[in-house]
Amino acid sequence: MEDKKYYKDELKKLGIEDLESVAGGYTMEQLTEEEIKRSHELDVKWKKAVSDCMAGKISDDEYDAITNEYKAFISMLLKKYDGIDN
């Protein structure tokens, strides 16, 4: 029990820079303006697709296409900035 409290206290002390240093992937500061814009567009598009799919406004296939488009973009960023080949 004491260990859990220690780790919880230590996690509270970590800043975003600490978390980014161990998380891998990429940071928004690394992205070009075009990549940031595209990331935002795809995020908005995907969130709308989630809502539309739940409301029955789009089909599962349409939702899957939007999700796959977003996943492909994220995979491209990971490959470009972190050398991860998904």
N, C-alpha and C. Protein backbone atom coordinates (compact mmCIF):
# COMPACT_ATOMS: atom_id res chain seq x y z
N MET A 1 0.82 -1.19 0.00
CA MET A 1 0.00 0.00 0.00
C MET A 1 0.87 1.25 0.00
N GLU A 2 1.93 1.22 0.76
CA GLU A 2 2.82 2.36 0.85
C GLU A 2 3.48 2.66 -0.49
N ASP A 3 3.83 1.61 -1.26
CA ASP A 3 4.44 1.80 -2.57
C ASP A 3 3.51 2.55 -3.51
N LYS A 4 2.23 2.21 -3.49
CA LYS A 4 1.27 2.88 -4.37
C LYS A 4 1.20 4.37 -4.06
N LYS A 5 1.22 4.73 -2.79
CA LYS A 5 1.17 6.13 -2.42
C LYS A 5 2.43 6.84 -2.90
N TYR A 6 3.58 6.20 -2.76
CA TYR A 6 4.84 6.79 -3.20
C TYR A 6 4.79 7.07 -4.70
N TYR A 7 4.37 6.09 -5.49
CA TYR A 7 4.32 6.27 -6.94
C TYR A 7 3.30 7.33 -7.33
N LYS A 8 2.19 7.37 -6.65
CA LYS A 8 1.17 8.37 -6.93
C LYS A 8 1.73 9.77 -6.67
N ASP A 9 2.44 9.94 -5.57
CA ASP A 9 3.05 11.23 -5.25
C ASP A 9 4.11 11.61 -6.28
N GLU A 10 4.91 10.65 -6.71
CA GLU A 10 5.95 10.93 -7.70
C GLU A 10 5.34 11.32 -9.04
N LEU A 11 4.26 10.63 -9.44
CA LEU A 11 3.60 10.97 -10.71
C LEU A 11 3.05 12.39 -10.70
N LYS A 12 2.57 12.83 -9.56
CA LYS A 12 2.05 14.19 -9.46
C LYS A 12 3.15 15.22 -9.70
N LYS A 13 4.40 14.87 -9.41
CA LYS A 13 5.51 15.80 -9.57
C LYS A 13 5.98 15.92 -11.01
N LEU A 14 5.63 14.95 -11.85
CA LEU A 14 6.10 14.95 -13.23
C LEU A 14 5.41 16.05 -14.03
N GLY A 15 6.18 16.72 -14.86
CA GLY A 15 5.64 17.71 -15.78
C GLY A 15 5.45 17.10 -17.14
N ILE A 16 4.86 17.85 -18.05
CA ILE A 16 4.61 17.35 -19.41
C ILE A 16 5.92 17.03 -20.12
N GLU A 17 6.97 17.80 -19.87
CA GLU A 17 8.26 17.52 -20.50
C GLU A 17 8.78 16.15 -20.08
N ASP A 18 8.61 15.82 -18.81
CA ASP A 18 9.04 14.51 -18.31
C ASP A 18 8.28 13.40 -19.00
N LEU A 19 6.98 13.59 -19.13
CA LEU A 19 6.15 12.55 -19.74
C LEU A 19 6.48 12.39 -21.21
N GLU A 20 6.71 13.51 -21.93
CA GLU A 20 7.05 13.43 -23.35
C GLU A 20 8.38 12.71 -23.55
N SER A 21 9.30 12.88 -22.62
CA SER A 21 10.63 12.29 -22.78
C SER A 21 10.60 10.77 -22.71
N VAL A 22 9.61 10.20 -22.04
CA VAL A 22 9.54 8.75 -21.94
C VAL A 22 8.44 8.14 -22.81
N ALA A 23 7.57 8.97 -23.35
CA ALA A 23 6.41 8.46 -24.08
C ALA A 23 6.75 8.00 -25.48
N GLY A 24 7.76 8.56 -26.10
CA GLY A 24 8.05 8.23 -27.49
C GLY A 24 7.05 8.92 -28.39
N GLY A 25 7.00 8.53 -29.64
CA GLY A 25 6.07 9.17 -30.55
C GLY A 25 6.59 10.51 -31.02
N TYR A 26 5.73 11.50 -31.05
CA TYR A 26 6.11 12.83 -31.53
C TYR A 26 5.39 13.86 -30.67
N THR A 27 5.88 15.08 -30.75
CA THR A 27 5.23 16.18 -30.05
C THR A 27 4.70 17.16 -31.08
N MET A 28 3.74 17.96 -30.68
CA MET A 28 3.15 18.93 -31.60
C MET A 28 4.20 19.94 -32.10
N GLU A 29 5.21 20.21 -31.29
CA GLU A 29 6.25 21.15 -31.70
C GLU A 29 7.05 20.66 -32.90
N GLN A 30 7.08 19.36 -33.11
CA GLN A 30 7.83 18.79 -34.23
C GLN A 30 7.08 18.91 -35.55
N LEU A 31 5.77 19.02 -35.50
CA LEU A 31 4.96 18.98 -36.71
C LEU A 31 5.04 20.28 -37.49
N THR A 32 4.90 20.15 -38.81
CA THR A 32 4.82 21.33 -39.65
C THR A 32 3.43 21.96 -39.49
N GLU A 33 3.28 23.18 -39.96
CA GLU A 33 1.96 23.84 -39.90
C GLU A 33 0.91 23.03 -40.64
N GLU A 34 1.29 22.47 -41.78
CA GLU A 34 0.35 21.67 -42.56
C GLU A 34 -0.07 20.41 -41.80
N GLU A 35 0.89 19.77 -41.12
CA GLU A 35 0.58 18.57 -40.36
C GLU A 35 -0.32 18.88 -39.16
N ILE A 36 -0.07 20.00 -38.51
CA ILE A 36 -0.93 20.41 -37.39
C ILE A 36 -2.34 20.66 -37.89
N LYS A 37 -2.46 21.37 -39.01
CA LYS A 37 -3.78 21.67 -39.57
C LYS A 37 -4.50 20.37 -39.95
N ARG A 38 -3.79 19.47 -40.60
CA ARG A 38 -4.38 18.19 -41.03
C ARG A 38 -4.78 17.35 -39.82
N SER A 39 -3.95 17.36 -38.80
CA SER A 39 -4.25 16.62 -37.57
C SER A 39 -5.54 17.14 -36.94
N HIS A 40 -5.67 18.44 -36.88
CA HIS A 40 -6.88 19.05 -36.30
C HIS A 40 -8.11 18.70 -37.15
N GLU A 41 -7.97 18.80 -38.48
CA GLU A 41 -9.10 18.49 -39.38
C GLU A 41 -9.55 17.04 -39.21
N LEU A 42 -8.59 16.13 -39.15
CA LEU A 42 -8.94 14.71 -39.01
C LEU A 42 -9.54 14.42 -37.64
N ASP A 43 -9.05 15.10 -36.61
CA ASP A 43 -9.61 14.90 -35.27
C ASP A 43 -11.06 15.34 -35.23
N VAL A 44 -11.35 16.50 -35.80
CA VAL A 44 -12.73 17.01 -35.84
C VAL A 44 -13.61 16.07 -36.67
N LYS A 45 -13.09 15.65 -37.82
CA LYS A 45 -13.83 14.75 -38.71
C LYS A 45 -14.14 13.43 -38.02
N TRP A 46 -13.15 12.87 -37.30
CA TRP A 46 -13.35 11.59 -36.62
C TRP A 46 -14.34 11.73 -35.47
N LYS A 47 -14.23 12.79 -34.68
CA LYS A 47 -15.17 12.98 -33.57
C LYS A 47 -16.61 13.13 -34.08
N LYS A 48 -16.77 13.82 -35.20
CA LYS A 48 -18.10 13.95 -35.81
C LYS A 48 -18.59 12.59 -36.29
N ALA A 49 -17.67 11.79 -36.86
CA ALA A 49 -18.05 10.46 -37.34
C ALA A 49 -18.50 9.57 -36.19
N VAL A 50 -17.84 9.67 -35.05
CA VAL A 50 -18.25 8.89 -33.87
C VAL A 50 -19.68 9.25 -33.50
N SER A 51 -19.94 10.55 -33.41
CA SER A 51 -21.28 11.03 -33.06
C SER A 51 -22.31 10.61 -34.10
N ASP A 52 -21.97 10.80 -35.38
CA ASP A 52 -22.89 10.45 -36.46
C ASP A 52 -23.17 8.95 -36.52
N CYS A 53 -22.15 8.15 -36.27
CA CYS A 53 -22.33 6.70 -36.30
C CYS A 53 -23.25 6.26 -35.16
N MET A 54 -23.04 6.82 -33.99
CA MET A 54 -23.88 6.48 -32.84
C MET A 54 -25.33 6.91 -33.06
N ALA A 55 -25.52 7.99 -33.81
CA ALA A 55 -26.87 8.49 -34.09
C ALA A 55 -27.48 7.83 -35.32
N GLY A 56 -26.73 6.95 -35.98
CA GLY A 56 -27.23 6.26 -37.16
C GLY A 56 -27.23 7.13 -38.41
N LYS A 57 -26.47 8.22 -38.40
CA LYS A 57 -26.43 9.12 -39.56
C LYS A 57 -25.46 8.66 -40.63
N ILE A 58 -24.48 7.83 -40.25
CA ILE A 58 -23.56 7.26 -41.23
C ILE A 58 -23.44 5.76 -40.95
N SER A 59 -23.01 5.04 -41.97
CA SER A 59 -22.88 3.59 -41.83
C SER A 59 -21.58 3.23 -41.12
N ASP A 60 -21.50 1.98 -40.70
CA ASP A 60 -20.26 1.49 -40.09
C ASP A 60 -19.10 1.57 -41.08
N ASP A 61 -19.38 1.32 -42.36
CA ASP A 61 -18.34 1.39 -43.38
C ASP A 61 -17.81 2.82 -43.53
N GLU A 62 -18.71 3.81 -43.48
CA GLU A 62 -18.27 5.20 -43.56
C GLU A 62 -17.43 5.57 -42.34
N TYR A 63 -17.87 5.11 -41.17
CA TYR A 63 -17.11 5.35 -39.95
C TYR A 63 -15.72 4.70 -40.04
N ASP A 64 -15.68 3.45 -40.51
CA ASP A 64 -14.40 2.75 -40.64
C ASP A 64 -13.46 3.47 -41.60
N ALA A 65 -13.99 4.01 -42.69
CA ALA A 65 -13.16 4.73 -43.66
C ALA A 65 -12.52 5.96 -43.02
N ILE A 66 -13.30 6.70 -42.25
CA ILE A 66 -12.77 7.90 -41.58
C ILE A 66 -11.74 7.50 -40.52
N THR A 67 -12.04 6.45 -39.77
CA THR A 67 -11.11 5.97 -38.75
C THR A 67 -9.80 5.52 -39.39
N ASN A 68 -9.88 4.81 -40.50
CA ASN A 68 -8.68 4.33 -41.19
C ASN A 68 -7.87 5.49 -41.76
N GLU A 69 -8.54 6.53 -42.23
CA GLU A 69 -7.85 7.71 -42.73
C GLU A 69 -7.04 8.37 -41.59
N TYR A 70 -7.66 8.47 -40.43
CA TYR A 70 -7.00 9.06 -39.27
C TYR A 70 -5.82 8.18 -38.82
N LYS A 71 -6.04 6.87 -38.77
CA LYS A 71 -4.99 5.95 -38.37
C LYS A 71 -3.79 6.02 -39.32
N ALA A 72 -4.06 6.13 -40.60
CA ALA A 72 -2.98 6.21 -41.59
C ALA A 72 -2.15 7.48 -41.40
N PHE A 73 -2.83 8.57 -41.08
CA PHE A 73 -2.12 9.83 -40.84
C PHE A 73 -1.23 9.71 -39.60
N ILE A 74 -1.77 9.15 -38.52
CA ILE A 74 -1.00 8.98 -37.29
C ILE A 74 0.19 8.04 -37.54
N SER A 75 -0.03 6.97 -38.28
CA SER A 75 1.06 6.05 -38.61
C SER A 75 2.16 6.75 -39.39
N MET A 76 1.77 7.62 -40.32
CA MET A 76 2.74 8.38 -41.10
C MET A 76 3.57 9.28 -40.18
N LEU A 77 2.91 9.94 -39.23
CA LEU A 77 3.63 10.82 -38.30
C LEU A 77 4.59 10.02 -37.43
N LEU A 78 4.15 8.87 -36.93
CA LEU A 78 5.01 8.03 -36.11
C LEU A 78 6.23 7.55 -36.89
N LYS A 79 6.01 7.18 -38.12
CA LYS A 79 7.12 6.72 -38.96
C LYS A 79 8.09 7.88 -39.23
N LYS A 80 7.56 9.04 -39.53
CA LYS A 80 8.38 10.20 -39.87
C LYS A 80 9.17 10.72 -38.68
N TYR A 81 8.52 10.84 -37.52
CA TYR A 81 9.15 11.50 -36.38
C TYR A 81 9.74 10.56 -35.34
N ASP A 82 9.31 9.33 -35.31
CA ASP A 82 9.82 8.43 -34.28
C ASP A 82 10.41 7.15 -34.86
N GLY A 83 10.38 7.03 -36.17
CA GLY A 83 10.96 5.86 -36.80
C GLY A 83 10.16 4.58 -36.58
N ILE A 84 8.91 4.71 -36.13
CA ILE A 84 8.08 3.53 -35.90
C ILE A 84 7.36 3.18 -37.18
N ASP A 85 7.52 1.96 -37.61
CA ASP A 85 6.87 1.50 -38.84
C ASP A 85 5.71 0.60 -38.48
N ASN A 86 4.48 1.15 -38.52
CA ASN A 86 3.29 0.38 -38.16
C ASN A 86 2.78 -0.39 -39.33
